[in-house]
Structure formats: C-alpha cells, structure tokens
Amino acid sequence: MRTSKERERERVNERTAPSEIRSFTLVHVLALSLFLFSCGGDDRQTAHIPDFPKPGDSSRVEGALRALTVAINQSSPASAYAKRATILLAMGRMNDALEDIDEAISRNDNAGSYYLTRAQILRSLQQPAKALQNAQRAEILGVDTPELYTLQGDLLQQQNQFDKAKLYVAKALQMAPYDGEAYFFNGLMAARQGDTVQAITLYQQSLRLKPRYLETYNQLASVYRTLGDQNSALAYNQQALRYFPNNPRLWYGRGLIYHSIGQLDSAMTYYRQTMKIQPGYYQAYFQLGLINQTYRNYNEALSNYQRVQELRPQFPRIDTYIGYCHEQMGQYDLAIAAYDKATKQNINDRQAAAGLWRSQRRQYAQNSYNSLLLPDTAKKSTPQARSRTVIDTTRVRITTIQPKARVSTNAGDSLKRTVKPIGQN
C-alpha cells in the first residue's frame, strides 16, 4: 500500500504536470518559429510587410505603400515588390505595377502568384498574348484559383479561342458557382459571338452576384447604347456612378450616350468631367474635337486633335483630322503636311488623299493669277489685246443703205411697196 507521503507526491505531480507540458510546448513552438524564421529567406525579410489594404481606404493604401517602400529600400525582398505591384494594379498605375512585378519575378521566378499578377497587369495594358503566357505559367506553377481561370477565359476569348475559353470559365464556375466575374466573362464571349440577348442575361446575373463590378456596368451601358436604348444605358451608367463617382470611364461613357442622341452640349460637359478626373484621357479629347468640328469651331477642334496626338501618337487617322482643320482655316501648307503624313502612314486613307488634292490646288489658286491653272500645267502665253483704230468721219464718205422696195413671197407673187428712207417724212 502507498504511504501518505507517496499519495501527496502524486497529487503535487498532477497539479504541476499541465503547466510543465504547456511550458514544454511553448518552448518547442518558439524554437520551431525561430527555425522557420531563420530558414525563411525572403519571408524573414517581409515579416513587417503590411497586408493588402482595401482600395477604398486611401489612408491605409498610402500607409501600405510607404511601408512596402521602406521594406524594399532596406532589403528589397521579392514579396514586397509583388505586394506593392498588387496595390498599384488596384490603383490603376499599370506601368509602375509592371516594373515592380518584373523585379519580383527576377528575384523569385518560381512564385505562381507573381505570374498571375503580371498577367492581370498585362491584360490591363492591352497585351493579351503576353498576359496569356504569364497566366499559363502561373497555372504550371500550381496556382489553382477561380481568379486565374476566369482570367484565362477572358484572354482566350480576346483571341477568338472560344472553345478553350468556355472550358476555363466553366472550371471557374465549378470552383466558385457564385463568382460574378465568371458570369461576366461568359457574357463577353456571348457578345463577341453575336448573341446579344444571352450576353445581357449573363451581365445581369453578374451584377446580382457582384453588384460593385465596374466592367459589367460599362458593358451593359455599351450594349444598350448600341441597341439604341439610351434610357437603359443611362440607367446603368448612373447606377455605376453611385459606386464609382470618380471613375473617368463612366463619365466618358455617359458622354458617348449623350453624343449618340445628338445632345452635344451635354456630351461636352461629361467629356470635360472625364478629363478633369484623368487629364490624359485622350479619347475624351478626340470626341471633343469631333463636336467642335461639327460646330465648325475648327481652331478648338484642332487643339483637341493635337492634344490627342501628344498623348497617343499612333491614334488612328489623327493626322487626317488635323489636316482637315488646317484646310478649313485656309492653312493649306500645314494641311498638305498633315495629309501627306497621313497618306504615307495609310495608303488606303481616301479622305487624306482627297484632302491633299484639294489643299494643293487651293494653295496654288491662292498664290496664282489664274486659279484654273494646275501646278503641273505649263503656263500658256496670254494673248495681247488688239490696238483700237480711230476713224476720222470727216474724211470718210458713209453711204446710207437703202431698204428693198420689192418683197417676194413663197407663192411667187410680187408685192410692190414704197419704203421711204429712215429719217424722211
């Protein structure tokens, strides 16, 4: 039998065992954490990197950017570049985001999420082929998310590979049946294949699942504007502006709606609002140029077109529009230069060719005595006027012509009639 001392010792051990076990576990957890921290490499350097903030919280976004910049300046970890690229992507600063994600991949080229981010950036920069390559690389490196598959579906449908695109979007919906973006991209495919009714149905389903998805509002407004239902287009545009009041695309789209129904003054107001929010929105400058051209305000239209050319030198046929304004203002030398440049860039630009022909001849007519002569026509000698001869009537005898007194008829009869000379009674 156990003595009283042994029983007391067992009770003490029972009371102290849990605390010893907790101490032992805590020690091992700390040791494991230190081991992982020492082996983490890039993770060790990003211990104080902030999480991704909500884009609507501007103060947190700026704070996160500052913290990431400090981390990059101190140790330049790949994950800091990648996180900063993600924030810049959400802010719409695509070129800065691309620089950061390229740097992140150069430091760690085995992170699939980095390639996914770069694919999203390249899609926004309208480089779908490169974006698709990066999305496929992300899939090879093990990224398995609905976001990746909807992205690949979008990129494939942009290249008219609709069968493959449908497979990826279906896979995304299988993983996330309530993903509004997947329905949106399904709608895009339907629209590009000419099924407008199906596209509208899918867009509306996308809005029900994701009511704050900007692209869906833009597409619905665009579809209804194309169909001539301007009231529905304005309704979706107005609904989107409640969520995104400072989005330049929405104000530009609103301007297009009013432009299409001939309310040009209202359209100009919304185009100017677009430029106020984003001064480099070259499409708005071009639309303002078209309206000023309609009003025959060619000087203002020319200023708008020249601004487009500064912002987007490769804008289609911009030199033709510039040449037309110069031509209408009588600046034929500048018009000829613009039209000539346009025809060299596109030999099929008939309006530029016709404008060049007109301007050359008007310039020649402006500088020539004879507007009928063409620049390539040899000058003809102008005949000199005949000299006038003065007749002295005092030395010249003038015989008065007497009218005939006999008039013959067709019947052969003769009618005798006395005709007195002019001036006699």
Protein backbone atom coordinates (compact mmCIF):
# COMPACT_ATOMS: atom_id res chain seq x y z
CA MET A 1 0.00 0.00 0.00
CA ARG A 2 1.10 3.59 -0.73
CA THR A 3 2.07 5.76 2.17
CA SER A 4 0.57 9.18 2.79
CA LYS A 5 3.77 10.83 1.52
CA GLU A 6 3.57 8.98 -1.79
CA ARG A 7 -0.09 9.98 -2.24
CA GLU A 8 0.79 13.61 -1.52
CA ARG A 9 3.62 13.48 -4.05
CA GLU A 10 1.21 12.17 -6.74
CA ARG A 11 -1.24 15.00 -6.06
CA VAL A 12 1.55 17.57 -6.46
CA ASN A 13 2.64 15.96 -9.74
CA GLU A 14 -0.95 16.06 -11.06
CA ARG A 15 -1.17 19.81 -10.29
CA THR A 16 2.20 20.71 -11.85
CA ALA A 17 2.08 18.45 -14.97
CA PRO A 18 -0.18 20.65 -17.13
CA SER A 19 1.96 23.75 -16.54
CA GLU A 20 5.15 21.82 -17.38
CA ILE A 21 3.54 20.44 -20.54
CA ARG A 22 2.47 23.96 -21.54
CA SER A 23 5.97 25.26 -20.89
CA PHE A 24 7.48 22.45 -22.93
CA THR A 25 5.03 23.07 -25.82
CA LEU A 26 5.65 26.82 -25.78
CA VAL A 27 9.40 26.30 -25.86
CA HIS A 28 9.10 23.96 -28.84
CA VAL A 29 6.77 26.33 -30.70
CA LEU A 30 9.20 29.19 -30.17
CA ALA A 31 12.06 27.03 -31.31
CA LEU A 32 10.15 25.95 -34.40
CA SER A 33 9.22 29.56 -35.18
CA LEU A 34 12.83 30.65 -34.88
CA PHE A 35 13.88 27.80 -37.13
CA LEU A 36 11.30 28.71 -39.78
CA PHE A 37 12.19 32.39 -39.48
CA SER A 38 15.88 31.64 -39.95
CA CYS A 39 15.16 29.40 -42.94
CA GLY A 40 12.52 31.60 -44.48
CA GLY A 41 14.89 33.76 -46.51
CA ASP A 42 12.55 36.09 -48.29
CA ASP A 43 9.80 35.54 -45.68
CA ARG A 44 12.18 36.68 -42.95
CA GLN A 45 12.67 39.98 -44.73
CA THR A 46 8.93 40.53 -45.14
CA ALA A 47 7.97 40.00 -41.51
CA HIS A 48 6.79 43.60 -41.22
CA ILE A 49 5.28 43.95 -44.68
CA PRO A 50 1.63 45.03 -44.34
CA ASP A 51 -1.27 43.06 -45.72
CA PHE A 52 -3.11 44.26 -48.78
CA PRO A 53 -5.47 47.09 -47.78
CA LYS A 54 -8.89 47.78 -49.22
CA PRO A 55 -8.57 50.04 -52.28
CA GLY A 56 -11.30 52.35 -50.97
CA ASP A 57 -9.36 53.17 -47.81
CA SER A 58 -6.95 55.73 -49.23
CA SER A 59 -5.14 56.34 -45.93
CA ARG A 60 -4.39 52.65 -45.47
CA VAL A 61 -3.36 52.30 -49.10
CA GLU A 62 -0.86 55.13 -48.81
CA GLY A 63 0.38 53.74 -45.50
CA ALA A 64 0.87 50.30 -47.04
CA LEU A 65 2.77 51.79 -49.97
CA ARG A 66 5.08 53.68 -47.62
CA ALA A 67 5.74 50.58 -45.53
CA LEU A 68 6.44 48.49 -48.62
CA THR A 69 8.80 51.13 -49.96
CA VAL A 70 10.70 51.12 -46.67
CA ALA A 71 10.96 47.33 -46.78
CA ILE A 72 12.21 47.47 -50.36
CA ASN A 73 14.80 50.11 -49.53
CA GLN A 74 16.06 48.10 -46.58
CA SER A 75 16.32 44.60 -48.01
CA SER A 76 14.50 44.51 -51.40
CA PRO A 77 12.51 41.27 -50.86
CA ALA A 78 10.62 39.86 -53.80
CA SER A 79 7.35 39.64 -51.89
CA ALA A 80 7.47 43.36 -51.08
CA TYR A 81 7.74 44.17 -54.77
CA ALA A 82 4.88 41.78 -55.53
CA LYS A 83 2.59 43.24 -52.87
CA ARG A 84 3.32 46.78 -53.97
CA ALA A 85 2.61 45.76 -57.57
CA THR A 86 -0.78 44.39 -56.49
CA ILE A 87 -1.69 47.68 -54.79
CA LEU A 88 -0.53 49.71 -57.78
CA LEU A 89 -2.61 47.46 -60.04
CA ALA A 90 -5.72 48.19 -57.97
CA MET A 91 -4.92 51.92 -58.14
CA GLY A 92 -4.66 51.78 -61.94
CA ARG A 93 -0.94 52.64 -62.04
CA MET A 94 -0.18 49.87 -64.53
CA ASN A 95 3.29 50.88 -65.66
CA ASP A 96 4.56 51.23 -62.08
CA ALA A 97 2.92 47.92 -61.18
CA LEU A 98 4.58 46.19 -64.11
CA GLU A 99 8.03 47.42 -63.05
CA ASP A 100 7.51 46.08 -59.54
CA ILE A 101 6.22 42.66 -60.56
CA ASP A 102 9.04 42.27 -63.10
CA GLU A 103 11.50 42.93 -60.29
CA ALA A 104 9.72 40.46 -58.02
CA ILE A 105 9.90 37.73 -60.67
CA SER A 106 13.56 38.45 -61.34
CA ARG A 107 14.23 37.74 -57.64
CA ASN A 108 11.91 34.73 -57.38
CA ASP A 109 10.77 33.13 -60.62
CA ASN A 110 9.01 30.15 -59.01
CA ALA A 111 6.09 32.01 -57.40
CA GLY A 112 2.96 31.35 -59.44
CA SER A 113 1.06 34.24 -57.83
CA TYR A 114 3.63 36.67 -59.23
CA TYR A 115 2.91 35.50 -62.77
CA LEU A 116 -0.83 35.80 -62.12
CA THR A 117 -0.35 39.42 -61.05
CA ARG A 118 1.76 40.14 -64.11
CA ALA A 119 -0.91 38.57 -66.34
CA GLN A 120 -3.54 40.87 -64.81
CA ILE A 121 -1.34 43.92 -65.38
CA LEU A 122 -0.58 42.99 -68.98
CA ARG A 123 -4.26 42.45 -69.67
CA SER A 124 -4.97 45.97 -68.41
CA LEU A 125 -2.18 47.24 -70.67
CA GLN A 126 -3.94 45.55 -73.62
CA GLN A 127 -1.27 42.94 -74.22
CA PRO A 128 -3.41 39.77 -74.19
CA ALA A 129 -0.83 37.46 -75.81
CA LYS A 130 1.83 38.19 -73.18
CA ALA A 131 -0.78 38.13 -70.44
CA LEU A 132 -1.90 34.65 -71.52
CA GLN A 133 1.68 33.35 -71.42
CA ASN A 134 2.04 34.54 -67.83
CA ALA A 135 -1.34 33.11 -66.83
CA GLN A 136 -0.35 29.72 -68.25
CA ARG A 137 2.94 29.93 -66.36
CA ALA A 138 1.02 30.60 -63.15
CA GLU A 139 -1.10 27.51 -63.76
CA ILE A 140 2.02 25.38 -64.33
CA LEU A 141 3.46 26.63 -61.04
CA GLY A 142 0.39 25.39 -59.16
CA VAL A 143 -1.99 28.33 -58.97
CA ASP A 144 -5.47 26.82 -58.84
CA THR A 145 -7.99 29.61 -58.25
CA PRO A 146 -11.19 30.78 -59.95
CA GLU A 147 -9.50 34.13 -60.47
CA LEU A 148 -6.83 32.54 -62.66
CA TYR A 149 -9.32 30.54 -64.71
CA THR A 150 -11.64 33.49 -65.36
CA LEU A 151 -8.58 35.49 -66.40
CA GLN A 152 -7.50 32.78 -68.83
CA GLY A 153 -11.04 32.55 -70.17
CA ASP A 154 -11.06 36.29 -70.85
CA LEU A 155 -7.65 36.24 -72.54
CA LEU A 156 -8.60 33.28 -74.72
CA GLN A 157 -11.86 34.83 -75.86
CA GLN A 158 -9.97 38.00 -76.81
CA GLN A 159 -8.01 35.82 -79.23
CA ASN A 160 -11.22 34.21 -80.52
CA GLN A 161 -10.40 30.84 -78.92
CA PHE A 162 -13.94 30.49 -77.62
CA ASP A 163 -13.96 26.72 -77.04
CA LYS A 164 -10.94 26.84 -74.74
CA ALA A 165 -12.25 29.98 -73.08
CA LYS A 166 -15.54 28.28 -72.21
CA LEU A 167 -13.69 25.39 -70.60
CA TYR A 168 -11.75 27.69 -68.29
CA VAL A 169 -14.78 29.77 -67.35
CA ALA A 170 -16.76 26.59 -66.67
CA LYS A 171 -13.93 25.40 -64.43
CA ALA A 172 -14.03 28.69 -62.55
CA LEU A 173 -17.80 28.40 -62.06
CA GLN A 174 -17.39 24.82 -60.84
CA MET A 175 -14.96 26.03 -58.19
CA ALA A 176 -16.96 29.15 -57.34
CA PRO A 177 -20.57 28.91 -58.61
CA TYR A 178 -21.37 32.37 -57.27
CA ASP A 179 -18.45 34.15 -58.91
CA GLY A 180 -19.85 37.21 -60.63
CA GLU A 181 -16.76 37.73 -62.77
CA ALA A 182 -17.15 34.30 -64.35
CA TYR A 183 -20.66 35.20 -65.49
CA PHE A 184 -19.32 38.49 -66.80
CA PHE A 185 -16.72 36.80 -69.00
CA ASN A 186 -19.34 34.34 -70.19
CA GLY A 187 -21.34 37.39 -71.23
CA LEU A 188 -18.35 38.82 -73.06
CA MET A 189 -18.00 35.61 -75.07
CA ALA A 190 -21.70 35.63 -75.93
CA ALA A 191 -21.48 39.26 -77.06
CA ARG A 192 -18.45 38.62 -79.25
CA GLN A 193 -20.24 35.71 -80.87
CA GLY A 194 -23.24 37.91 -81.66
CA ASP A 195 -25.67 36.59 -79.03
CA THR A 196 -26.68 39.93 -77.51
CA VAL A 197 -29.70 38.61 -75.60
CA GLN A 198 -27.63 35.93 -73.86
CA ALA A 199 -24.91 38.47 -73.14
CA ILE A 200 -27.35 40.83 -71.39
CA THR A 201 -28.74 37.94 -69.31
CA LEU A 202 -25.25 36.92 -68.17
CA TYR A 203 -24.26 40.52 -67.40
CA GLN A 204 -27.35 40.99 -65.25
CA GLN A 205 -26.58 37.73 -63.41
CA SER A 206 -23.06 39.01 -62.84
CA LEU A 207 -24.43 42.20 -61.27
CA ARG A 208 -26.70 40.23 -58.95
CA LEU A 209 -23.70 38.28 -57.67
CA LYS A 210 -21.21 41.14 -57.73
CA PRO A 211 -23.04 44.49 -57.71
CA ARG A 212 -19.84 46.51 -57.48
CA TYR A 213 -18.12 45.09 -60.55
CA LEU A 214 -17.36 48.09 -62.75
CA GLU A 215 -16.81 46.26 -66.02
CA THR A 216 -20.33 44.83 -66.00
CA TYR A 217 -21.90 48.29 -65.82
CA ASN A 218 -19.71 49.52 -68.66
CA GLN A 219 -20.63 46.59 -70.87
CA LEU A 220 -24.36 46.83 -70.18
CA ALA A 221 -24.38 50.56 -70.89
CA SER A 222 -22.40 49.97 -74.09
CA VAL A 223 -24.73 47.20 -75.30
CA TYR A 224 -27.87 49.23 -74.71
CA ARG A 225 -26.32 52.30 -76.35
CA THR A 226 -25.52 50.20 -79.42
CA LEU A 227 -29.09 48.88 -79.46
CA GLY A 228 -30.44 52.43 -79.33
CA ASP A 229 -31.98 52.06 -75.87
CA GLN A 230 -30.39 55.18 -74.42
CA ASN A 231 -32.62 55.25 -71.32
CA SER A 232 -31.39 51.81 -70.19
CA ALA A 233 -27.82 52.79 -71.00
CA LEU A 234 -28.12 55.93 -68.86
CA ALA A 235 -29.74 53.96 -66.03
CA TYR A 236 -26.85 51.50 -65.76
CA ASN A 237 -24.32 54.30 -66.13
CA GLN A 238 -25.98 56.28 -63.33
CA GLN A 239 -26.10 53.22 -61.10
CA ALA A 240 -22.39 52.65 -61.60
CA LEU A 241 -21.58 56.29 -60.82
CA ARG A 242 -23.14 55.82 -57.38
CA TYR A 243 -20.48 53.24 -56.61
CA PHE A 244 -17.62 54.82 -58.58
CA PRO A 245 -18.18 58.60 -58.73
CA ASN A 246 -14.59 59.35 -59.67
CA ASN A 247 -14.16 56.78 -62.41
CA PRO A 248 -13.26 58.51 -65.71
CA ARG A 249 -14.54 55.66 -67.89
CA LEU A 250 -18.05 56.10 -66.55
CA TRP A 251 -18.11 59.83 -67.27
CA TYR A 252 -16.69 59.18 -70.72
CA GLY A 253 -19.35 56.53 -71.34
CA ARG A 254 -22.03 58.98 -70.24
CA GLY A 255 -20.68 61.48 -72.74
CA LEU A 256 -20.89 58.87 -75.50
CA ILE A 257 -24.54 58.21 -74.69
CA TYR A 258 -25.50 61.88 -74.97
CA HIS A 259 -23.29 62.22 -78.05
CA SER A 260 -25.18 59.39 -79.76
CA ILE A 261 -28.56 61.10 -79.29
CA GLY A 262 -27.31 64.47 -80.53
CA GLN A 263 -27.20 66.31 -77.19
CA LEU A 264 -23.73 67.64 -77.94
CA ASP A 265 -23.53 70.29 -75.21
CA SER A 266 -24.27 67.70 -72.51
CA ALA A 267 -21.78 65.32 -74.10
CA MET A 268 -19.08 68.02 -73.98
CA THR A 269 -19.80 68.56 -70.29
CA TYR A 270 -19.21 64.89 -69.47
CA TYR A 271 -16.12 64.67 -71.68
CA ARG A 272 -14.65 67.62 -69.78
CA GLN A 273 -15.51 65.93 -66.50
CA THR A 274 -13.61 62.88 -67.74
CA MET A 275 -10.52 65.00 -68.46
CA LYS A 276 -10.84 66.71 -65.10
CA ILE A 277 -10.57 63.36 -63.33
CA GLN A 278 -7.93 61.95 -65.69
CA PRO A 279 -6.16 64.66 -67.73
CA GLY A 280 -4.56 62.09 -70.03
CA TYR A 281 -7.83 60.53 -71.23
CA TYR A 282 -7.12 61.01 -74.93
CA GLN A 283 -10.44 59.50 -76.13
CA ALA A 284 -12.31 62.37 -74.48
CA TYR A 285 -10.14 64.93 -76.29
CA PHE A 286 -10.90 63.23 -79.59
CA GLN A 287 -14.66 63.29 -79.00
CA LEU A 288 -14.46 66.97 -78.09
CA GLY A 289 -12.62 67.54 -81.36
CA LEU A 290 -15.42 65.86 -83.30
CA ILE A 291 -18.06 68.04 -81.63
CA ASN A 292 -16.11 71.24 -82.23
CA GLN A 293 -15.65 70.19 -85.83
CA THR A 294 -19.42 69.71 -86.11
CA TYR A 295 -19.88 73.25 -84.77
CA ARG A 296 -17.25 74.44 -87.30
CA ASN A 297 -15.09 75.63 -84.45
CA TYR A 298 -12.00 74.40 -86.26
CA ASN A 299 -9.43 76.18 -84.12
CA GLU A 300 -10.72 74.48 -80.96
CA ALA A 301 -11.10 71.15 -82.76
CA LEU A 302 -7.50 71.40 -83.96
CA SER A 303 -6.35 71.99 -80.38
CA ASN A 304 -8.23 68.86 -79.25
CA TYR A 305 -6.77 66.72 -82.04
CA GLN A 306 -3.25 67.94 -81.37
CA ARG A 307 -3.67 67.01 -77.71
CA VAL A 308 -4.72 63.51 -78.79
CA GLN A 309 -1.60 63.27 -80.93
CA GLU A 310 0.58 64.28 -77.97
CA LEU A 311 -0.98 61.69 -75.70
CA ARG A 312 -1.34 58.93 -78.30
CA PRO A 313 0.92 59.47 -81.35
CA GLN A 314 -0.36 56.30 -83.05
CA PHE A 315 -4.04 57.23 -82.73
CA PRO A 316 -5.73 56.06 -85.97
CA ARG A 317 -6.01 58.74 -88.69
CA ILE A 318 -5.33 61.61 -86.31
CA ASP A 319 -3.26 63.41 -88.98
CA THR A 320 -6.25 63.33 -91.32
CA TYR A 321 -8.38 65.16 -88.76
CA ILE A 322 -5.61 67.68 -88.11
CA GLY A 323 -5.18 68.26 -91.83
CA TYR A 324 -8.91 68.86 -92.28
CA CYS A 325 -8.93 71.58 -89.61
CA HIS A 326 -5.93 73.32 -91.20
CA GLU A 327 -7.63 73.11 -94.60
CA GLN A 328 -10.88 74.64 -93.35
CA MET A 329 -8.93 77.51 -91.76
CA GLY A 330 -7.09 78.20 -95.03
CA GLN A 331 -3.71 77.00 -93.70
CA TYR A 332 -3.01 74.96 -96.79
CA ASP A 333 0.71 74.43 -96.23
CA LEU A 334 0.03 72.86 -92.81
CA ALA A 335 -2.89 70.88 -94.23
CA ILE A 336 -0.69 69.49 -97.01
CA ALA A 337 1.95 68.41 -94.48
CA ALA A 338 -0.63 66.64 -92.29
CA TYR A 339 -2.42 64.96 -95.21
CA ASP A 340 0.89 63.86 -96.72
CA LYS A 341 1.91 62.25 -93.43
CA ALA A 342 -1.46 60.51 -93.18
CA THR A 343 -1.26 59.07 -96.70
CA LYS A 344 2.25 57.77 -96.06
CA GLN A 345 1.08 56.01 -92.91
CA ASN A 346 -2.00 54.55 -94.60
CA ILE A 347 -2.15 54.47 -98.38
CA ASN A 348 -5.82 53.45 -98.19
CA ASP A 349 -6.88 56.62 -96.38
CA ARG A 350 -9.03 58.11 -99.14
CA GLN A 351 -10.09 61.12 -97.10
CA ALA A 352 -6.47 62.09 -96.57
CA ALA A 353 -5.70 61.64 -100.27
CA ALA A 354 -8.70 63.77 -101.29
CA GLY A 355 -7.76 66.41 -98.72
CA LEU A 356 -4.21 66.51 -100.05
CA TRP A 357 -5.50 67.02 -103.61
CA ARG A 358 -7.83 69.83 -102.53
CA SER A 359 -5.26 71.61 -100.40
CA GLN A 360 -2.60 71.55 -103.11
CA ARG A 361 -4.92 73.16 -105.66
CA ARG A 362 -6.34 75.69 -103.24
CA GLN A 363 -2.85 76.70 -102.24
CA TYR A 364 -1.92 77.15 -105.88
CA ALA A 365 -5.10 79.11 -106.59
CA GLN A 366 -4.33 81.33 -103.62
CA ASN A 367 -0.89 82.20 -104.99
CA SER A 368 -1.70 82.30 -108.70
CA TYR A 369 -3.30 84.86 -111.05
CA ASN A 370 -5.20 82.15 -112.83
CA SER A 371 -6.97 79.68 -110.47
CA LEU A 372 -7.69 77.38 -113.40
CA LEU A 373 -4.03 76.52 -113.95
CA LEU A 374 -2.87 73.40 -112.16
CA PRO A 375 0.60 73.17 -110.50
CA ASP A 376 1.80 70.68 -113.11
CA THR A 377 0.45 72.54 -116.14
CA ALA A 378 2.78 74.69 -118.30
CA LYS A 379 1.86 78.33 -118.37
CA LYS A 380 0.26 79.49 -121.58
CA SER A 381 1.09 82.88 -123.11
CA THR A 382 -1.72 85.38 -122.59
CA PRO A 383 -2.86 86.93 -125.91
CA GLN A 384 -2.35 90.71 -126.04
CA ALA A 385 -5.31 92.99 -126.56
CA ARG A 386 -5.83 94.38 -130.08
CA SER A 387 -4.99 98.05 -130.64
CA ARG A 388 -8.01 100.33 -131.26
CA THR A 389 -8.20 102.21 -134.61
CA VAL A 390 -9.69 105.73 -134.56
CA ILE A 391 -11.63 106.71 -137.71
CA ASP A 392 -11.90 110.37 -138.89
CA THR A 393 -15.53 110.56 -140.06
CA THR A 394 -14.97 113.93 -141.79
CA ARG A 395 -12.76 112.31 -144.37
CA VAL A 396 -14.73 109.13 -144.89
CA ARG A 397 -17.89 109.02 -147.03
CA ILE A 398 -20.66 106.98 -145.46
CA THR A 399 -23.26 105.58 -147.87
CA THR A 400 -26.72 105.05 -146.43
CA ILE A 401 -28.06 101.57 -147.05
CA GLN A 402 -31.46 101.71 -148.75
CA PRO A 403 -34.05 99.00 -147.92
CA LYS A 404 -35.51 96.92 -150.70
CA ALA A 405 -38.84 98.12 -152.06
CA ARG A 406 -39.94 94.77 -153.52
CA VAL A 407 -40.63 91.74 -151.29
CA SER A 408 -41.14 88.32 -152.80
CA THR A 409 -43.44 85.72 -151.31
CA ASN A 410 -43.25 82.00 -151.45
CA ALA A 411 -46.18 81.88 -153.78
CA GLY A 412 -44.28 83.79 -156.40
CA ASP A 413 -46.47 86.90 -156.21
CA SER A 414 -44.84 90.28 -156.08
CA LEU A 415 -45.90 92.95 -153.69
CA LYS A 416 -44.87 96.45 -154.54
CA ARG A 417 -44.35 98.74 -151.62
CA THR A 418 -42.61 102.08 -151.37
CA VAL A 419 -40.31 102.31 -148.41
CA LYS A 420 -39.07 105.74 -147.51
CA PRO A 421 -35.52 106.07 -146.22
CA ILE A 422 -35.09 106.38 -142.46
CA GLY A 423 -35.44 109.96 -141.35
CA GLN A 424 -37.75 111.13 -144.19
CA ASN A 425 -41.40 112.02 -143.62
